[in-house]
C-alpha atoms as a PDB file:
ATOM      1  CA  UNK A   1     -73.916 -15.403 -61.500  1.00  0.00           C
ATOM      2  CA  UNK A   2     -77.504 -15.651 -60.975  1.00  0.00           C
ATOM      3  CA  UNK A   3     -77.809 -11.907 -61.855  1.00  0.00           C
ATOM      4  CA  UNK A   4     -76.315 -12.343 -65.318  1.00  0.00           C
ATOM      5  CA  UNK A   5     -78.456 -15.410 -65.949  1.00  0.00           C
ATOM      6  CA  UNK A   6     -81.714 -13.154 -65.189  1.00  0.00           C
ATOM      7  CA  UNK A   7     -80.397 -10.565 -67.753  1.00  0.00           C
ATOM      8  CA  UNK A   8     -79.822 -13.237 -70.270  1.00  0.00           C
ATOM      9  CA  UNK A   9     -83.332 -14.740 -69.679  1.00  0.00           C
ATOM     10  CA  UNK A  10     -84.859 -11.285 -69.744  1.00  0.00           C
ATOM     11  CA  UNK A  11     -83.062 -10.282 -72.875  1.00  0.00           C
ATOM     12  CA  UNK A  12     -83.905 -13.820 -74.870  1.00  0.00           C
ATOM     13  CA  UNK A  13     -87.830 -12.526 -73.616  1.00  0.00           C
ATOM     14  CA  UNK A  14     -87.449  -9.305 -75.276  1.00  0.00           C
ATOM     15  CA  UNK A  15     -86.088 -10.607 -78.305  1.00  0.00           C
ATOM     16  CA  UNK A  16     -88.781 -12.980 -78.527  1.00  0.00           C
ATOM     17  CA  UNK A  17     -91.345 -10.513 -77.543  1.00  0.00           C
ATOM     18  CA  UNK A  18     -89.771  -8.458 -80.658  1.00  0.00           C
ATOM     19  CA  UNK A  19     -89.823 -11.219 -83.303  1.00  0.00           C
ATOM     20  CA  UNK A  20     -93.379 -12.137 -82.326  1.00  0.00           C
ATOM     21  CA  UNK A  21     -94.279  -8.588 -83.036  1.00  0.00           C
ATOM     22  CA  UNK A  22     -92.573  -8.035 -86.493  1.00  0.00           C
ATOM     23  CA  UNK A  23     -94.383 -10.996 -87.498  1.00  0.00           C
ATOM     24  CA  UNK A  24     -97.815 -10.168 -86.281  1.00  0.00           C
ATOM     25  CA  UNK A  25     -98.032  -7.458 -88.914  1.00  0.00           C
ATOM     26  CA  UNK A  26    -101.499  -7.892 -91.038  1.00  0.00           C
ATOM     27  CA  UNK A  27    -100.600  -9.539 -94.234  1.00  0.00           C
ATOM     28  CA  UNK A  28    -100.687  -7.423 -97.158  1.00  0.00           C
ATOM     29  CA  UNK A  29     -99.096  -4.270 -95.672  1.00  0.00           C
ATOM     30  CA  UNK A  30     -95.168  -4.802 -95.772  1.00  0.00           C
ATOM     31  CA  UNK A  31     -94.983  -7.766 -98.053  1.00  0.00           C
ATOM     32  CA  UNK A  32     -97.310  -5.988-100.796  1.00  0.00           C
ATOM     33  CA  UNK A  33     -95.475  -3.098-100.683  1.00  0.00           C
ATOM     34  CA  UNK A  34     -91.839  -4.775-101.280  1.00  0.00           C
ATOM     35  CA  UNK A  35     -93.426  -7.323-103.767  1.00  0.00           C
ATOM     36  CA  UNK A  36     -95.745  -4.588-105.557  1.00  0.00           C
ATOM     37  CA  UNK A  37     -92.608  -2.520-106.469  1.00  0.00           C
ATOM     38  CA  UNK A  38     -90.389  -5.472-107.787  1.00  0.00           C
ATOM     39  CA  UNK A  39     -93.535  -6.812-109.862  1.00  0.00           C
ATOM     40  CA  UNK A  40     -94.301  -3.456-111.165  1.00  0.00           C
ATOM     41  CA  UNK A  41     -90.937  -2.748-112.308  1.00  0.00           C
ATOM     42  CA  UNK A  42     -90.729  -5.894-114.087  1.00  0.00           C
ATOM     43  CA  UNK A  43     -94.088  -5.892-115.825  1.00  0.00           C
ATOM     44  CA  UNK A  44     -95.363  -8.484-114.112  1.00  0.00           C
ATOM     45  CA  UNK A  45     -92.396 -10.922-114.477  1.00  0.00           C
ATOM     46  CA  UNK A  46     -90.291 -12.853-111.536  1.00  0.00           C
ATOM     47  CA  UNK A  47     -86.638 -12.603-111.482  1.00  0.00           C
ATOM     48  CA  UNK A  48     -86.322 -15.966-112.831  1.00  0.00           C
ATOM     49  CA  UNK A  49     -88.560 -15.181-115.859  1.00  0.00           C
ATOM     50  CA  UNK A  50     -86.377 -12.300-116.584  1.00  0.00           C
ATOM     51  CA  UNK A  51     -83.280 -14.384-116.466  1.00  0.00           C
ATOM     52  CA  UNK A  52     -84.830 -16.801-118.797  1.00  0.00           C
ATOM     53  CA  UNK A  53     -85.939 -14.085-121.085  1.00  0.00           C
ATOM     54  CA  UNK A  54     -82.462 -12.784-121.145  1.00  0.00           C
ATOM     55  CA  UNK A  55     -80.831 -15.934-121.732  1.00  0.00           C
ATOM     56  CA  UNK A  56     -83.381 -16.682-124.735  1.00  0.00           C
ATOM     57  CA  UNK A  57     -82.891 -13.374-126.346  1.00  0.00           C
ATOM     58  CA  UNK A  58     -78.743 -13.699-126.000  1.00  0.00           C
ATOM     59  CA  UNK A  59     -78.896 -17.279-127.672  1.00  0.00           C
ATOM     60  CA  UNK A  60     -81.418 -15.848-130.477  1.00  0.00           C
ATOM     61  CA  UNK A  61     -78.757 -12.979-131.266  1.00  0.00           C
ATOM     62  CA  UNK A  62     -75.732 -15.222-131.255  1.00  0.00           C
ATOM     63  CA  UNK A  63     -77.616 -17.781-133.313  1.00  0.00           C
ATOM     64  CA  UNK A  64     -78.403 -14.996-135.692  1.00  0.00           C
ATOM     65  CA  UNK A  65     -74.596 -13.898-135.790  1.00  0.00           C
ATOM     66  CA  UNK A  66     -73.467 -17.313-136.281  1.00  0.00           C
ATOM     67  CA  UNK A  67     -75.613 -18.044-139.483  1.00  0.00           C
ATOM     68  CA  UNK A  68     -72.923 -15.721-141.265  1.00  0.00           C
ATOM     69  CA  UNK A  69     -70.131 -18.001-141.938  1.00  0.00           C
ATOM     70  CA  UNK A  70     -67.897 -14.966-142.826  1.00  0.00           C
ATOM     71  CA  UNK A  71     -68.000 -13.952-139.106  1.00  0.00           C
ATOM     72  CA  UNK A  72     -65.821 -16.026-136.486  1.00  0.00           C
ATOM     73  CA  UNK A  73     -68.986 -15.811-133.806  1.00  0.00           C
ATOM     74  CA  UNK A  74     -66.517 -17.753-131.271  1.00  0.00           C
ATOM     75  CA  UNK A  75     -64.420 -14.714-130.732  1.00  0.00           C
ATOM     76  CA  UNK A  76     -68.030 -12.468-129.925  1.00  0.00           C
ATOM     77  CA  UNK A  77     -69.938 -12.491-126.535  1.00  0.00           C
ATOM     78  CA  UNK A  78     -73.230 -11.496-126.234  1.00  0.00           C
ATOM     79  CA  UNK A  79     -75.147 -10.018-123.168  1.00  0.00           C
ATOM     80  CA  UNK A  80     -78.692  -9.257-123.147  1.00  0.00           C
ATOM     81  CA  UNK A  81     -80.621  -7.586-120.466  1.00  0.00           C
ATOM     82  CA  UNK A  82     -84.169  -6.654-120.732  1.00  0.00           C
ATOM     83  CA  UNK A  83     -83.701  -6.163-124.532  1.00  0.00           C
ATOM     84  CA  UNK A  84     -80.528  -4.024-124.425  1.00  0.00           C
ATOM     85  CA  UNK A  85     -77.490  -6.371-126.054  1.00  0.00           C
ATOM     86  CA  UNK A  86     -74.140  -5.594-125.556  1.00  0.00           C
ATOM     87  CA  UNK A  87     -71.436  -7.259-128.052  1.00  0.00           C
ATOM     88  CA  UNK A  88     -67.878  -7.648-126.929  1.00  0.00           C
ATOM     89  CA  UNK A  89     -64.986  -9.389-128.563  1.00  0.00           C
ATOM     90  CA  UNK A  90     -63.148  -9.234-131.752  1.00  0.00           C
ATOM     91  CA  UNK A  91     -63.685  -9.865-135.425  1.00  0.00           C
ATOM     92  CA  UNK A  92     -61.085  -9.785-138.322  1.00  0.00           C
ATOM     93  CA  UNK A  93     -62.088  -7.040-140.484  1.00  0.00           C
ATOM     94  CA  UNK A  94     -63.529  -3.486-139.299  1.00  0.00           C
ATOM     95  CA  UNK A  95     -66.279  -4.033-141.830  1.00  0.00           C
ATOM     96  CA  UNK A  96     -67.750  -6.783-139.533  1.00  0.00           C
ATOM     97  CA  UNK A  97     -68.009  -4.442-136.475  1.00  0.00           C
ATOM     98  CA  UNK A  98     -71.036  -2.899-138.075  1.00  0.00           C
ATOM     99  CA  UNK A  99     -72.513  -5.875-139.715  1.00  0.00           C
ATOM    100  CA  UNK A 100     -72.497  -7.653-136.308  1.00  0.00           C
ATOM    101  CA  UNK A 101     -74.438  -4.675-134.789  1.00  0.00           C
ATOM    102  CA  UNK A 102     -76.485  -4.677-137.741  1.00  0.00           C
ATOM    103  CA  UNK A 103     -77.854  -8.457-137.267  1.00  0.00           C
ATOM    104  CA  UNK A 104     -78.095  -7.949-133.603  1.00  0.00           C
ATOM    105  CA  UNK A 105     -80.531  -5.093-134.281  1.00  0.00           C
ATOM    106  CA  UNK A 106     -82.459  -7.211-136.712  1.00  0.00           C
ATOM    107  CA  UNK A 107     -83.381  -9.724-134.115  1.00  0.00           C
ATOM    108  CA  UNK A 108     -86.825  -9.337-132.521  1.00  0.00           C
ATOM    109  CA  UNK A 109     -86.797  -8.379-128.950  1.00  0.00           C
ATOM    110  CA  UNK A 110     -83.517  -6.373-129.452  1.00  0.00           C
ATOM    111  CA  UNK A 111     -84.057  -2.697-127.887  1.00  0.00           C
ATOM    112  CA  UNK A 112     -80.494  -1.443-128.261  1.00  0.00           C
ATOM    113  CA  UNK A 113     -76.987  -2.665-129.057  1.00  0.00           C
ATOM    114  CA  UNK A 114     -73.922  -1.451-127.462  1.00  0.00           C
ATOM    115  CA  UNK A 115     -71.265  -2.473-129.585  1.00  0.00           C
ATOM    116  CA  UNK A 116     -67.737  -2.901-128.092  1.00  0.00           C
ATOM    117  CA  UNK A 117     -66.313  -5.136-130.969  1.00  0.00           C
ATOM    118  CA  UNK A 118     -62.730  -4.564-131.977  1.00  0.00           C
ATOM    119  CA  UNK A 119     -60.460  -5.442-135.051  1.00  0.00           C
ATOM    120  CA  UNK A 120     -58.415  -8.825-134.015  1.00  0.00           C
ATOM    121  CA  UNK A 121     -54.775  -7.724-134.346  1.00  0.00           C
ATOM    122  CA  UNK A 122     -52.468 -10.600-136.308  1.00  0.00           C
ATOM    123  CA  UNK A 123     -49.987 -12.330-134.464  1.00  0.00           C
ATOM    124  CA  UNK A 124     -46.638 -10.486-134.124  1.00  0.00           C
ATOM    125  CA  UNK A 125     -48.322  -7.341-135.570  1.00  0.00           C
ATOM    126  CA  UNK A 126     -48.703  -3.789-134.806  1.00  0.00           C
END
């Protein structure tokens, strides 16, 4: 029993010592390396700022589509990620597929458009 307890105390001491050593690293070495790559990759924006910009672009593209009354925007989803926009859903006419993509390309901030729109099949139709 005392031997098990002694091993437990020794193990806890080793873990505590390893933890203190890990936290005692000079600031700027490990944290700057991991943070620096994330900030550099995003152009200085935080992840929260990137999500906010993506949401704003998605709303702007969707609002541009809604302005065209002949297009039922309720059946279209817009996903934006760093300027790349993906359109998904259905439209009632094949000509609207290209029209929606054209509208999305015309929105400032959109760098590319992936168009996955399809023509909505009528109920009971082929």
